[in-house]
Protein backbone atom coordinates (compact mmCIF):
# COMPACT_ATOMS: atom_id res chain seq x y z
CA MET A 1 0.04 -0.01 -0.08
CA ASN A 2 1.44 3.36 -1.08
CA THR A 3 1.67 6.10 1.51
CA LYS A 4 -1.43 8.16 0.37
CA ASN A 5 -3.63 5.17 0.59
CA ARG A 6 -2.02 4.16 3.98
CA PHE A 7 -2.81 7.50 5.63
CA LEU A 8 -6.35 7.49 3.94
CA GLU A 9 -7.00 4.20 5.53
CA HIS A 10 -5.71 5.39 8.92
CA TYR A 11 -7.96 8.33 8.86
CA LYS A 12 -10.99 6.03 7.82
CA SER A 13 -10.37 3.77 10.94
CA GLY A 14 -9.95 6.71 13.28
CA PHE A 15 -6.16 5.75 13.86
CA MET A 16 -4.52 9.03 14.31
CA PRO A 17 -1.80 8.86 17.03
CA TRP A 18 0.10 11.81 15.59
CA VAL A 19 -2.78 14.22 16.52
CA HIS A 20 -1.69 16.61 19.37
CA LYS A 21 -3.81 19.24 21.17
CA LYS A 22 -0.89 21.83 21.78
CA PRO A 23 1.26 23.09 18.95
CA ASP A 24 4.68 21.19 18.66
CA PHE A 25 7.15 22.64 20.94
CA ASN A 26 9.72 22.20 18.41
CA LEU A 27 7.99 24.43 16.01
CA VAL A 28 7.38 27.12 18.61
CA GLU A 29 11.14 27.08 19.75
CA MET A 30 12.46 27.33 16.14
CA VAL A 31 9.94 29.97 15.12
CA GLY A 32 11.01 31.92 18.46
CA ASN A 33 14.89 31.40 18.45
CA TRP A 34 15.90 31.02 14.98
CA PRO A 35 13.81 33.59 14.46
CA ILE A 36 11.43 32.58 11.49
CA LYS A 37 9.52 35.82 10.92
CA PRO A 38 5.88 36.00 10.03
CA CYS A 39 5.53 35.16 6.16
CA ARG A 40 3.55 33.17 3.77
CA ALA A 41 3.58 29.69 5.00
CA LEU A 42 2.55 26.14 4.14
CA GLU A 43 2.18 23.06 6.37
CA VAL A 44 2.34 19.81 4.63
CA GLY A 45 0.43 16.99 6.09
CA CYS A 46 -1.09 19.18 8.62
CA GLY A 47 -3.68 16.62 10.17
CA THR A 48 -6.23 18.49 12.23
CA GLY A 49 -4.40 21.71 12.10
CA THR A 50 -3.09 22.55 15.71
CA ASP A 51 0.46 23.69 14.31
CA ALA A 52 -1.22 25.67 11.39
CA LEU A 53 -3.56 27.51 14.03
CA TRP A 54 -0.60 28.42 16.18
CA LEU A 55 1.22 29.75 13.13
CA ALA A 56 -1.70 31.88 12.04
CA LYS A 57 -2.03 33.04 15.63
CA LYS A 58 1.57 34.29 15.17
CA ARG A 59 0.43 36.30 12.06
CA PHE A 60 1.90 34.02 9.51
CA ASP A 61 -0.33 33.72 6.47
CA VAL A 62 -1.03 30.00 6.23
CA THR A 63 -2.03 27.39 3.79
CA ALA A 64 -2.17 23.86 5.37
CA VAL A 65 -2.76 20.66 3.25
CA ASP A 66 -3.45 16.93 4.08
CA VAL A 67 -4.45 14.10 1.90
CA SER A 68 -7.86 13.31 3.76
CA ASP A 69 -10.97 15.45 4.19
CA ILE A 70 -11.47 13.90 7.58
CA PRO A 71 -8.66 16.09 9.36
CA ILE A 72 -9.03 18.81 7.13
CA ASN A 73 -12.87 19.28 8.09
CA ILE A 74 -11.94 18.93 11.79
CA ALA A 75 -9.07 21.62 11.09
CA LYS A 76 -11.58 23.96 9.54
CA ASP A 77 -13.59 23.56 12.46
CA HIS A 78 -10.98 24.42 14.95
CA ALA A 79 -10.02 27.54 12.82
CA ILE A 80 -13.59 28.75 12.91
CA LYS A 81 -13.56 28.39 16.67
CA ALA A 82 -10.32 30.06 17.16
CA LYS A 83 -11.42 32.76 14.71
CA GLN A 84 -8.43 32.38 12.55
CA SER A 85 -8.43 32.61 9.01
CA ILE A 86 -6.18 29.68 7.15
CA ASN A 87 -6.61 28.21 3.92
CA PHE A 88 -7.03 24.63 4.59
CA MET A 89 -7.10 22.39 1.59
CA VAL A 90 -7.51 18.54 0.80
CA LYS A 91 -4.45 18.00 -1.64
CA ASP A 92 -2.28 15.16 -2.64
CA PHE A 93 1.10 17.29 -2.10
CA LEU A 94 3.09 15.21 -4.65
CA SER A 95 0.57 15.28 -7.35
CA GLU A 96 -1.67 18.48 -7.17
CA ASP A 97 -1.22 22.00 -7.44
CA ILE A 98 -1.10 24.16 -4.08
CA PRO A 99 -2.63 27.52 -4.75
CA GLY A 100 -0.73 30.13 -3.10
CA SER A 101 2.72 28.87 -4.24
CA PRO A 102 5.70 29.80 -3.87
CA PHE A 103 5.65 30.28 -0.30
CA ASP A 104 8.57 31.70 2.18
CA PHE A 105 8.51 28.76 4.85
CA VAL A 106 7.39 25.15 4.83
CA PHE A 107 6.66 23.17 8.03
CA ASP A 108 6.19 19.46 8.02
CA ARG A 109 5.87 17.15 11.39
CA GLY A 110 6.39 13.85 9.93
CA TYR A 111 5.56 14.19 6.20
CA PHE A 112 8.92 13.88 4.90
CA HIS A 113 9.78 10.69 7.03
CA SER A 114 6.56 8.75 6.00
CA TYR A 115 7.98 7.84 2.63
CA ARG A 116 9.78 4.41 2.72
CA SER A 117 11.95 4.90 -0.40
CA ALA A 118 14.87 7.24 -1.09
CA ILE A 119 13.36 8.13 -4.42
CA LYS A 120 10.06 9.06 -2.98
CA ARG A 121 11.79 11.22 -0.27
CA LYS A 122 13.58 13.04 -3.10
CA GLN A 123 10.41 13.54 -4.73
CA VAL A 124 9.14 15.05 -1.41
CA VAL A 125 12.14 17.37 -1.36
CA ARG A 126 11.75 18.43 -5.22
CA ALA A 127 8.08 19.49 -4.33
CA ILE A 128 8.88 21.40 -1.32
CA ALA A 129 11.66 23.19 -3.22
CA ALA A 130 9.54 23.88 -6.15
CA ARG A 131 6.89 25.68 -3.73
CA LEU A 132 9.49 27.89 -1.86
CA ASN A 133 10.42 31.21 -2.91
CA LYS A 134 14.43 31.99 -3.07
CA ASP A 135 15.98 31.59 0.04
CA GLY A 136 12.96 29.97 1.56
CA LEU A 137 13.03 27.77 4.77
CA TRP A 138 11.75 24.35 5.43
CA LEU A 139 11.62 23.03 8.98
CA SER A 140 10.83 19.33 9.06
CA LEU A 141 10.59 17.03 12.30
CA ILE A 142 11.71 13.57 11.22
CA GLY A 143 11.73 10.51 13.18
CA SER A 144 15.19 9.36 14.40
CA CYS A 145 16.80 6.26 14.04
CA ASP A 146 19.52 7.34 16.78
CA SER A 147 17.15 5.76 19.67
CA PRO A 148 16.53 2.34 20.90
CA PRO A 149 14.50 0.00 18.65
CA ARG A 150 10.62 -0.06 18.55
CA ASP A 151 7.97 -1.82 17.08
CA SER A 152 5.62 0.90 16.77
CA GLY A 153 5.59 4.86 16.29
CA PRO A 154 6.82 7.01 13.58
CA PRO A 155 8.99 5.76 10.86
CA MET A 156 12.96 6.27 11.83
CA ARG A 157 15.44 7.97 9.46
CA SER A 158 19.13 8.47 9.82
CA VAL A 159 21.07 11.67 9.24
CA LYS A 160 22.67 10.21 6.19
CA GLU A 161 19.32 9.48 4.57
CA ILE A 162 18.20 12.85 5.28
CA ALA A 163 21.31 14.52 3.80
CA ASN A 164 20.98 12.26 0.75
CA ALA A 165 17.53 13.45 -0.07
CA VAL A 166 17.99 17.17 0.56
CA GLU A 167 21.51 18.46 -0.03
CA SER A 168 21.17 18.98 -3.83
CA LEU A 169 18.32 21.53 -3.38
CA PHE A 170 18.80 22.76 0.40
CA GLU A 171 21.49 23.98 2.58
CA VAL A 172 21.21 22.18 5.81
CA LYS A 173 21.08 25.11 8.47
CA LEU A 174 20.35 22.89 11.63
CA ILE A 175 19.99 19.31 12.58
CA LYS A 176 19.33 18.59 16.26
CA THR A 177 18.01 15.71 18.38
CA SER A 178 14.68 16.18 20.26
CA LEU A 179 11.39 14.56 21.07
CA PHE A 180 8.13 14.78 19.00
CA GLY A 181 5.63 17.25 20.76
CA THR A 182 2.73 15.06 21.65
CA ASN A 183 0.26 13.74 24.07
CA GLN A 184 1.64 10.64 24.45
CA GLU A 185 3.48 9.37 27.40
CA ASN A 186 6.70 8.43 25.77
CA PRO A 187 7.33 10.57 22.71
CA ALA A 188 9.57 9.20 19.81
CA ASN A 189 13.02 10.60 19.18
CA ILE A 190 13.25 12.99 16.25
CA TRP A 191 15.66 15.10 14.27
CA VAL A 192 14.53 18.95 14.06
CA CYS A 193 15.78 20.04 10.77
CA LEU A 194 15.99 23.21 9.32
CA PHE A 195 16.79 23.69 5.72
CA LYS A 196 17.33 26.70 3.28
CA LYS A 197 16.55 26.61 -0.24
CA ARG A 198 19.62 26.88 -2.54
CA ASN A 199 19.53 29.54 -5.21
């Protein structure tokens, strides 16, 4: 089963362990400390919209996409209740146009790492680069293999796998270890990665 269909099945069955009620602290810290200033932003694989809502509250002009209407409808309801204007869309990021491109900032929390093959991950990188302005930034939270073996949880990628995928189109500005910001008791280890589009 390909990645798109796998996620569609997860949403239909209600299996959404990646859903979180608070914005991921890694996003909050990077925006605050790097800093990443308010701009036109795209979240890929936005789920139920928690992080997109936080960005909008911080004055980012946000477009957010996911492959299923189930999380997008939930995200739209959250935005209405929070009185935030966000362009939530059901889109297959790899095969469909994203209105509003290019953007200044792309955020993904587990989208890149969900692709099992190196070829597909390079396709993700090309798609992100194509939707970024010159000098655009991409912040990606990626499951880390630099942790004890486990039978469940997010996919685990190595720094080598990440670098092989991104270095032709992006400068690596930062890779650091962290944990997913989550409601779960034992969050998974991740890489917090900040990339800058090459000119």
